Amino acid sequence: MEYESKYERVKSDSKDGNQENLEPEKREKIEWMTKEGHTQKEIEAEVKVSSHTVVAVRQQMGDSDIDIGNYKRQTADLFKKIVMKGAHRLNLEIDDIPIGMMPVSLAILIDKIAVLQDQPTVIIESRLKISHEHLNKMLEGEIIELPDEPK
């Protein structure tokens, strides 16, 4: 006998996620600011609600209405600022900082910037070495025997 449980989020604290008392204007403002890519702290300050309220509204919204492009741009910009601050600090304090601490963090953030800007994380290159004669035959539509790959 198989049992399928109903999907529901598990609360991580004792705060009530009930939004019955939330004014419709505030809910709409939270949803709009979320769609525009504002951070949780910005929304809390602007709408004057708790972090629990913002999280509850966002959970109800789901991810379908969020502008992923805007989110990626803002996150990439934030990571760039962090990388620049870290690089500047690394430059100023390089003699006092253990060599293994800062570069790893910066490398991870640089990688994340590339991912958020839709840059490939891996580039695979395939090379085919053929002669001019083979190329001319291919251009004329002939099928050629490819040379064996050197091992």
N, C-alpha and C. Protein backbone atom coordinates (compact mmCIF):
# COMPACT_ATOMS: atom_id res chain seq x y z
N MET A 1 0.84 -1.17 0.00
CA MET A 1 0.00 0.00 0.00
C MET A 1 0.89 1.24 0.00
N GLU A 2 0.68 2.11 -0.99
CA GLU A 2 1.50 3.31 -1.09
C GLU A 2 0.72 4.51 -0.60
N TYR A 3 1.45 5.38 0.06
CA TYR A 3 0.83 6.59 0.59
C TYR A 3 1.55 7.79 -0.02
N GLU A 4 0.80 8.73 -0.55
CA GLU A 4 1.38 9.93 -1.10
C GLU A 4 1.04 11.10 -0.18
N SER A 5 2.07 11.69 0.39
CA SER A 5 1.80 12.79 1.32
C SER A 5 1.56 14.09 0.55
N LYS A 6 0.79 14.96 1.17
CA LYS A 6 0.48 16.25 0.58
C LYS A 6 1.70 17.15 0.73
N TYR A 7 2.06 17.88 -0.35
CA TYR A 7 3.19 18.79 -0.29
C TYR A 7 2.84 20.00 0.57
N GLU A 8 3.69 20.28 1.54
CA GLU A 8 3.55 21.51 2.30
C GLU A 8 4.90 21.85 2.90
N ARG A 9 5.13 23.13 3.06
CA ARG A 9 6.40 23.57 3.62
C ARG A 9 6.40 23.33 5.13
N VAL A 10 7.55 22.96 5.64
CA VAL A 10 7.71 22.77 7.07
C VAL A 10 8.17 24.10 7.65
N LYS A 11 7.49 24.57 8.66
CA LYS A 11 7.85 25.85 9.27
C LYS A 11 9.15 25.68 10.04
N SER A 12 10.01 26.67 9.92
CA SER A 12 11.30 26.59 10.58
C SER A 12 11.34 27.36 11.90
N ASP A 13 10.26 28.01 12.24
CA ASP A 13 10.21 28.72 13.52
C ASP A 13 8.78 28.74 14.03
N SER A 14 8.59 29.38 15.18
CA SER A 14 7.27 29.38 15.79
C SER A 14 6.40 30.54 15.33
N LYS A 15 6.91 31.40 14.45
CA LYS A 15 6.12 32.54 13.97
C LYS A 15 4.97 32.04 13.11
N ASP A 16 3.87 32.71 13.20
CA ASP A 16 2.69 32.34 12.43
C ASP A 16 2.81 32.88 11.02
N GLY A 17 2.69 32.02 10.03
CA GLY A 17 2.77 32.45 8.63
C GLY A 17 1.43 32.89 8.09
N ASN A 18 0.44 33.01 8.95
CA ASN A 18 -0.91 33.39 8.54
C ASN A 18 -0.89 34.85 8.09
N GLN A 19 -1.48 35.11 6.93
CA GLN A 19 -1.45 36.45 6.36
C GLN A 19 -2.84 37.09 6.35
N GLU A 20 -3.73 36.59 7.20
CA GLU A 20 -5.10 37.11 7.21
C GLU A 20 -5.15 38.61 7.51
N ASN A 21 -4.23 39.09 8.35
CA ASN A 21 -4.24 40.49 8.75
C ASN A 21 -3.44 41.39 7.81
N LEU A 22 -2.81 40.81 6.79
CA LEU A 22 -2.01 41.61 5.87
C LEU A 22 -2.91 42.38 4.92
N GLU A 23 -2.70 43.68 4.87
CA GLU A 23 -3.51 44.53 3.99
C GLU A 23 -3.23 44.17 2.53
N PRO A 24 -4.27 44.15 1.69
CA PRO A 24 -4.08 43.79 0.27
C PRO A 24 -3.06 44.69 -0.44
N GLU A 25 -3.00 45.97 -0.06
CA GLU A 25 -2.05 46.89 -0.71
C GLU A 25 -0.61 46.46 -0.39
N LYS A 26 -0.39 46.03 0.85
CA LYS A 26 0.95 45.60 1.24
C LYS A 26 1.33 44.31 0.52
N ARG A 27 0.37 43.39 0.41
CA ARG A 27 0.64 42.14 -0.30
C ARG A 27 1.01 42.44 -1.75
N GLU A 28 0.24 43.32 -2.40
CA GLU A 28 0.51 43.67 -3.79
C GLU A 28 1.88 44.33 -3.93
N LYS A 29 2.22 45.19 -2.99
CA LYS A 29 3.53 45.87 -3.02
C LYS A 29 4.66 44.85 -2.87
N ILE A 30 4.49 43.89 -1.95
CA ILE A 30 5.51 42.84 -1.76
C ILE A 30 5.66 42.03 -3.05
N GLU A 31 4.54 41.64 -3.65
CA GLU A 31 4.59 40.85 -4.88
C GLU A 31 5.25 41.65 -6.00
N TRP A 32 4.89 42.93 -6.14
CA TRP A 32 5.44 43.75 -7.19
C TRP A 32 6.96 43.93 -7.00
N MET A 33 7.37 44.23 -5.76
CA MET A 33 8.80 44.44 -5.49
C MET A 33 9.60 43.14 -5.71
N THR A 34 8.98 42.01 -5.37
CA THR A 34 9.64 40.72 -5.61
C THR A 34 9.84 40.51 -7.10
N LYS A 35 8.80 40.77 -7.88
CA LYS A 35 8.89 40.61 -9.34
C LYS A 35 9.92 41.54 -9.94
N GLU A 36 10.10 42.70 -9.33
CA GLU A 36 11.08 43.68 -9.83
C GLU A 36 12.50 43.34 -9.40
N GLY A 37 12.63 42.33 -8.53
CA GLY A 37 13.97 41.87 -8.13
C GLY A 37 14.54 42.53 -6.89
N HIS A 38 13.71 43.20 -6.10
CA HIS A 38 14.20 43.84 -4.87
C HIS A 38 14.56 42.78 -3.83
N THR A 39 15.51 43.11 -2.97
CA THR A 39 15.91 42.17 -1.92
C THR A 39 14.87 42.14 -0.81
N GLN A 40 14.97 41.12 0.01
CA GLN A 40 14.04 40.98 1.13
C GLN A 40 14.15 42.17 2.07
N LYS A 41 15.37 42.61 2.36
CA LYS A 41 15.58 43.75 3.27
C LYS A 41 14.96 45.02 2.70
N GLU A 42 15.09 45.24 1.39
CA GLU A 42 14.49 46.41 0.76
C GLU A 42 12.97 46.37 0.90
N ILE A 43 12.40 45.20 0.68
CA ILE A 43 10.94 45.05 0.78
C ILE A 43 10.47 45.30 2.21
N GLU A 44 11.18 44.70 3.18
CA GLU A 44 10.81 44.90 4.58
C GLU A 44 10.81 46.38 4.95
N ALA A 45 11.85 47.10 4.51
CA ALA A 45 11.97 48.52 4.86
C ALA A 45 10.89 49.36 4.16
N GLU A 46 10.63 49.07 2.89
CA GLU A 46 9.67 49.85 2.11
C GLU A 46 8.23 49.62 2.56
N VAL A 47 7.88 48.34 2.74
CA VAL A 47 6.49 47.98 3.05
C VAL A 47 6.23 48.02 4.56
N LYS A 48 7.31 48.01 5.34
CA LYS A 48 7.21 48.02 6.81
C LYS A 48 6.49 46.78 7.35
N VAL A 49 7.03 45.62 6.96
CA VAL A 49 6.53 44.34 7.44
C VAL A 49 7.72 43.52 7.92
N SER A 50 7.44 42.43 8.61
CA SER A 50 8.51 41.57 9.11
C SER A 50 9.06 40.69 8.01
N SER A 51 10.21 40.12 8.28
CA SER A 51 10.81 39.20 7.30
C SER A 51 9.94 37.97 7.10
N HIS A 52 9.23 37.56 8.16
CA HIS A 52 8.36 36.39 8.07
C HIS A 52 7.21 36.64 7.09
N THR A 53 6.70 37.86 7.09
CA THR A 53 5.60 38.19 6.18
C THR A 53 6.08 38.17 4.75
N VAL A 54 7.26 38.75 4.49
CA VAL A 54 7.81 38.77 3.13
C VAL A 54 8.04 37.34 2.64
N VAL A 55 8.63 36.52 3.50
CA VAL A 55 8.89 35.12 3.12
C VAL A 55 7.58 34.39 2.83
N ALA A 56 6.58 34.60 3.67
CA ALA A 56 5.29 33.91 3.48
C ALA A 56 4.65 34.31 2.15
N VAL A 57 4.67 35.61 1.83
CA VAL A 57 4.08 36.07 0.56
C VAL A 57 4.87 35.50 -0.61
N ARG A 58 6.19 35.52 -0.51
CA ARG A 58 7.03 34.99 -1.60
C ARG A 58 6.79 33.49 -1.79
N GLN A 59 6.62 32.76 -0.69
CA GLN A 59 6.36 31.32 -0.81
C GLN A 59 5.03 31.07 -1.50
N GLN A 60 4.04 31.89 -1.19
CA GLN A 60 2.74 31.74 -1.85
C GLN A 60 2.84 32.04 -3.33
N MET A 61 3.69 33.02 -3.69
CA MET A 61 3.85 33.40 -5.09
C MET A 61 4.49 32.29 -5.91
N GLY A 62 5.43 31.60 -5.32
CA GLY A 62 6.20 30.63 -6.08
C GLY A 62 7.23 31.36 -6.93
N ASP A 63 7.87 30.64 -7.85
CA ASP A 63 8.92 31.23 -8.69
C ASP A 63 8.43 31.65 -10.07
N SER A 64 7.22 31.32 -10.42
CA SER A 64 6.78 31.51 -11.80
C SER A 64 6.69 32.97 -12.22
N ASP A 65 6.41 33.88 -11.28
CA ASP A 65 6.24 35.28 -11.63
C ASP A 65 7.51 36.11 -11.47
N ILE A 66 8.58 35.52 -11.01
CA ILE A 66 9.80 36.28 -10.76
C ILE A 66 10.58 36.43 -12.06
N ASP A 67 11.05 37.64 -12.31
CA ASP A 67 11.85 37.93 -13.50
C ASP A 67 13.26 37.41 -13.25
N ILE A 68 13.54 36.23 -13.76
CA ILE A 68 14.83 35.58 -13.52
C ILE A 68 15.97 36.41 -14.10
N GLY A 69 15.76 37.01 -15.26
CA GLY A 69 16.80 37.83 -15.87
C GLY A 69 17.20 38.98 -14.97
N ASN A 70 16.22 39.66 -14.41
CA ASN A 70 16.48 40.78 -13.51
C ASN A 70 17.19 40.29 -12.26
N TYR A 71 16.74 39.17 -11.72
CA TYR A 71 17.36 38.58 -10.53
C TYR A 71 18.83 38.25 -10.81
N LYS A 72 19.09 37.63 -11.96
CA LYS A 72 20.46 37.25 -12.30
C LYS A 72 21.34 38.49 -12.44
N ARG A 73 20.81 39.52 -13.09
CA ARG A 73 21.59 40.75 -13.26
C ARG A 73 21.95 41.37 -11.91
N GLN A 74 20.95 41.48 -11.04
CA GLN A 74 21.20 42.09 -9.74
C GLN A 74 22.17 41.26 -8.90
N THR A 75 22.02 39.95 -8.95
CA THR A 75 22.92 39.09 -8.19
C THR A 75 24.33 39.17 -8.75
N ALA A 76 24.46 39.18 -10.07
CA ALA A 76 25.78 39.30 -10.70
C ALA A 76 26.43 40.63 -10.32
N ASP A 77 25.66 41.71 -10.32
CA ASP A 77 26.19 43.02 -9.94
C ASP A 77 26.68 43.00 -8.49
N LEU A 78 25.89 42.38 -7.60
CA LEU A 78 26.29 42.28 -6.20
C LEU A 78 27.59 41.48 -6.07
N PHE A 79 27.67 40.35 -6.76
CA PHE A 79 28.88 39.53 -6.70
C PHE A 79 30.08 40.29 -7.25
N LYS A 80 29.87 41.08 -8.30
CA LYS A 80 30.98 41.87 -8.85
C LYS A 80 31.50 42.85 -7.81
N LYS A 81 30.57 43.51 -7.10
CA LYS A 81 31.00 44.45 -6.06
C LYS A 81 31.79 43.73 -4.97
N ILE A 82 31.32 42.55 -4.58
CA ILE A 82 32.01 41.79 -3.54
C ILE A 82 33.40 41.38 -4.03
N VAL A 83 33.48 40.93 -5.26
CA VAL A 83 34.77 40.53 -5.82
C VAL A 83 35.72 41.73 -5.86
N MET A 84 35.21 42.89 -6.28
CA MET A 84 36.06 44.08 -6.34
C MET A 84 36.55 44.49 -4.95
N LYS A 85 35.65 44.46 -3.96
CA LYS A 85 36.06 44.78 -2.59
C LYS A 85 37.11 43.78 -2.11
N GLY A 86 36.84 42.51 -2.38
CA GLY A 86 37.78 41.47 -1.95
C GLY A 86 39.12 41.60 -2.64
N ALA A 87 39.09 41.89 -3.93
CA ALA A 87 40.34 42.04 -4.67
C ALA A 87 41.12 43.25 -4.16
N HIS A 88 40.40 44.34 -3.89
CA HIS A 88 41.06 45.53 -3.36
C HIS A 88 41.67 45.23 -1.99
N ARG A 89 40.90 44.58 -1.14
CA ARG A 89 41.41 44.23 0.20
C ARG A 89 42.59 43.27 0.08
N LEU A 90 42.46 42.31 -0.79
CA LEU A 90 43.55 41.36 -1.00
C LEU A 90 44.82 42.10 -1.43
N ASN A 91 44.64 43.07 -2.32
CA ASN A 91 45.77 43.87 -2.79
C ASN A 91 46.41 44.66 -1.64
N LEU A 92 45.57 45.26 -0.78
CA LEU A 92 46.09 46.07 0.33
C LEU A 92 46.71 45.22 1.43
N GLU A 93 46.12 44.05 1.69
CA GLU A 93 46.54 43.26 2.85
C GLU A 93 47.22 41.95 2.48
N ILE A 94 47.70 41.86 1.27
CA ILE A 94 48.25 40.59 0.78
C ILE A 94 49.38 40.05 1.66
N ASP A 95 50.16 40.93 2.23
CA ASP A 95 51.28 40.47 3.06
C ASP A 95 50.82 39.92 4.41
N ASP A 96 49.64 40.35 4.88
CA ASP A 96 49.16 39.93 6.20
C ASP A 96 48.14 38.80 6.14
N ILE A 97 47.64 38.49 4.97
CA ILE A 97 46.59 37.48 4.85
C ILE A 97 47.22 36.15 4.44
N PRO A 98 46.85 35.07 5.15
CA PRO A 98 47.34 33.75 4.72
C PRO A 98 46.90 33.50 3.27
N ILE A 99 47.79 33.03 2.48
CA ILE A 99 47.58 32.92 1.03
C ILE A 99 46.37 32.07 0.67
N GLY A 100 46.01 31.12 1.50
CA GLY A 100 44.91 30.23 1.17
C GLY A 100 43.52 30.76 1.45
N MET A 101 43.39 31.92 2.08
CA MET A 101 42.07 32.38 2.51
C MET A 101 41.28 33.11 1.43
N MET A 102 41.78 34.21 0.93
CA MET A 102 41.00 35.07 0.04
C MET A 102 40.87 34.53 -1.39
N PRO A 103 41.89 34.01 -2.00
CA PRO A 103 41.77 33.63 -3.42
C PRO A 103 40.68 32.60 -3.70
N VAL A 104 40.47 31.67 -2.79
CA VAL A 104 39.44 30.66 -3.02
C VAL A 104 38.06 31.30 -3.07
N SER A 105 37.78 32.19 -2.12
CA SER A 105 36.49 32.87 -2.10
C SER A 105 36.30 33.71 -3.35
N LEU A 106 37.32 34.44 -3.73
CA LEU A 106 37.22 35.28 -4.93
C LEU A 106 37.02 34.42 -6.18
N ALA A 107 37.71 33.30 -6.25
CA ALA A 107 37.57 32.43 -7.42
C ALA A 107 36.15 31.90 -7.54
N ILE A 108 35.56 31.55 -6.43
CA ILE A 108 34.18 31.05 -6.44
C ILE A 108 33.23 32.14 -6.92
N LEU A 109 33.38 33.36 -6.41
CA LEU A 109 32.52 34.45 -6.83
C LEU A 109 32.72 34.80 -8.31
N ILE A 110 33.94 34.77 -8.78
CA ILE A 110 34.20 35.03 -10.20
C ILE A 110 33.49 33.99 -11.05
N ASP A 111 33.54 32.73 -10.62
CA ASP A 111 32.85 31.66 -11.33
C ASP A 111 31.34 31.90 -11.34
N LYS A 112 30.79 32.33 -10.21
CA LYS A 112 29.35 32.57 -10.13
C LYS A 112 28.93 33.73 -11.01
N ILE A 113 29.76 34.76 -11.12
CA ILE A 113 29.46 35.87 -12.03
C ILE A 113 29.33 35.35 -13.45
N ALA A 114 30.27 34.50 -13.85
CA ALA A 114 30.24 33.94 -15.21
C ALA A 114 28.97 33.13 -15.44
N VAL A 115 28.58 32.33 -14.45
CA VAL A 115 27.37 31.52 -14.58
C VAL A 115 26.13 32.41 -14.69
N LEU A 116 26.05 33.45 -13.85
CA LEU A 116 24.90 34.34 -13.89
C LEU A 116 24.82 35.14 -15.18
N GLN A 117 25.94 35.30 -15.85
CA GLN A 117 25.94 36.01 -17.13
C GLN A 117 25.84 35.02 -18.29
N ASP A 118 25.39 33.82 -17.97
CA ASP A 118 25.17 32.76 -18.96
C ASP A 118 26.43 32.41 -19.76
N GLN A 119 27.58 32.50 -19.11
CA GLN A 119 28.83 32.08 -19.73
C GLN A 119 29.01 30.59 -19.44
N PRO A 120 29.60 29.86 -20.36
CA PRO A 120 29.78 28.42 -20.11
C PRO A 120 30.79 28.19 -19.00
N THR A 121 30.55 27.16 -18.21
CA THR A 121 31.49 26.81 -17.15
C THR A 121 32.56 25.86 -17.66
N VAL A 122 32.26 25.18 -18.75
CA VAL A 122 33.21 24.26 -19.37
C VAL A 122 33.14 24.46 -20.87
N ILE A 123 34.29 24.51 -21.51
CA ILE A 123 34.34 24.61 -22.96
C ILE A 123 35.01 23.35 -23.48
N ILE A 124 34.31 22.63 -24.30
CA ILE A 124 34.85 21.40 -24.88
C ILE A 124 35.18 21.67 -26.34
N GLU A 125 36.40 21.38 -26.69
CA GLU A 125 36.86 21.67 -28.03
C GLU A 125 37.10 20.35 -28.76
N SER A 126 36.64 20.27 -29.97
CA SER A 126 36.88 19.08 -30.78
C SER A 126 37.62 19.53 -32.03
N ARG A 127 38.71 18.88 -32.31
CA ARG A 127 39.52 19.28 -33.46
C ARG A 127 39.59 18.14 -34.46
N LEU A 128 39.53 18.52 -35.70
CA LEU A 128 39.64 17.55 -36.78
C LEU A 128 40.74 18.03 -37.71
N LYS A 129 41.76 17.21 -37.89
CA LYS A 129 42.85 17.59 -38.78
C LYS A 129 42.66 16.84 -40.09
N ILE A 130 42.44 17.62 -41.14
CA ILE A 130 42.30 17.03 -42.48
C ILE A 130 43.15 17.82 -43.46
N SER A 131 43.44 17.21 -44.57
CA SER A 131 44.27 17.87 -45.57
C SER A 131 43.41 18.78 -46.44
N HIS A 132 44.07 19.61 -47.24
CA HIS A 132 43.35 20.49 -48.16
C HIS A 132 42.57 19.67 -49.19
N GLU A 133 43.17 18.55 -49.60
CA GLU A 133 42.48 17.69 -50.57
C GLU A 133 41.17 17.16 -50.00
N HIS A 134 41.23 16.71 -48.74
CA HIS A 134 40.02 16.20 -48.09
C HIS A 134 38.97 17.30 -47.96
N LEU A 135 39.42 18.51 -47.61
CA LEU A 135 38.49 19.63 -47.45
C LEU A 135 37.82 19.94 -48.79
N ASN A 136 38.59 19.98 -49.86
CA ASN A 136 38.01 20.25 -51.18
C ASN A 136 36.98 19.18 -51.57
N LYS A 137 37.29 17.93 -51.26
CA LYS A 137 36.34 16.86 -51.56
C LYS A 137 35.05 17.02 -50.75
N MET A 138 35.18 17.41 -49.47
CA MET A 138 34.00 17.63 -48.63
C MET A 138 33.16 18.77 -49.18
N LEU A 139 33.81 19.85 -49.62
CA LEU A 139 33.08 20.99 -50.18
C LEU A 139 32.35 20.62 -51.46
N GLU A 140 32.89 19.66 -52.18
CA GLU A 140 32.23 19.20 -53.41
C GLU A 140 31.14 18.18 -53.12
N GLY A 141 30.97 17.84 -51.86
CA GLY A 141 29.89 16.94 -51.47
C GLY A 141 30.30 15.48 -51.38
N GLU A 142 31.56 15.19 -51.55
CA GLU A 142 32.02 13.81 -51.46
C GLU A 142 32.17 13.39 -50.00
N ILE A 143 32.00 12.11 -49.76
CA ILE A 143 32.21 11.56 -48.42
C ILE A 143 33.64 11.07 -48.37
N ILE A 144 34.37 11.45 -47.33
CA ILE A 144 35.77 11.08 -47.23
C ILE A 144 35.98 10.18 -46.03
N GLU A 145 37.10 9.45 -46.05
CA GLU A 145 37.52 8.67 -44.89
C GLU A 145 38.32 9.59 -43.99
N LEU A 146 37.88 9.72 -42.73
CA LEU A 146 38.59 10.58 -41.81
C LEU A 146 39.86 9.90 -41.32
N PRO A 147 40.92 10.68 -41.18
CA PRO A 147 42.16 10.08 -40.68
C PRO A 147 41.98 9.64 -39.22
N ASP A 148 42.75 8.63 -38.81
CA ASP A 148 42.71 8.16 -37.42
C ASP A 148 43.27 9.24 -36.50
N GLU A 149 42.68 9.29 -35.30
CA GLU A 149 43.14 10.24 -34.29
C GLU A 149 44.49 9.77 -33.75
N PRO A 150 45.46 10.67 -33.63
CA PRO A 150 46.73 10.25 -33.00
C PRO A 150 46.50 10.00 -31.51
N LYS A 151 47.16 8.98 -30.98
CA LYS A 151 46.96 8.61 -29.57
C LYS A 151 48.07 9.08 -28.71
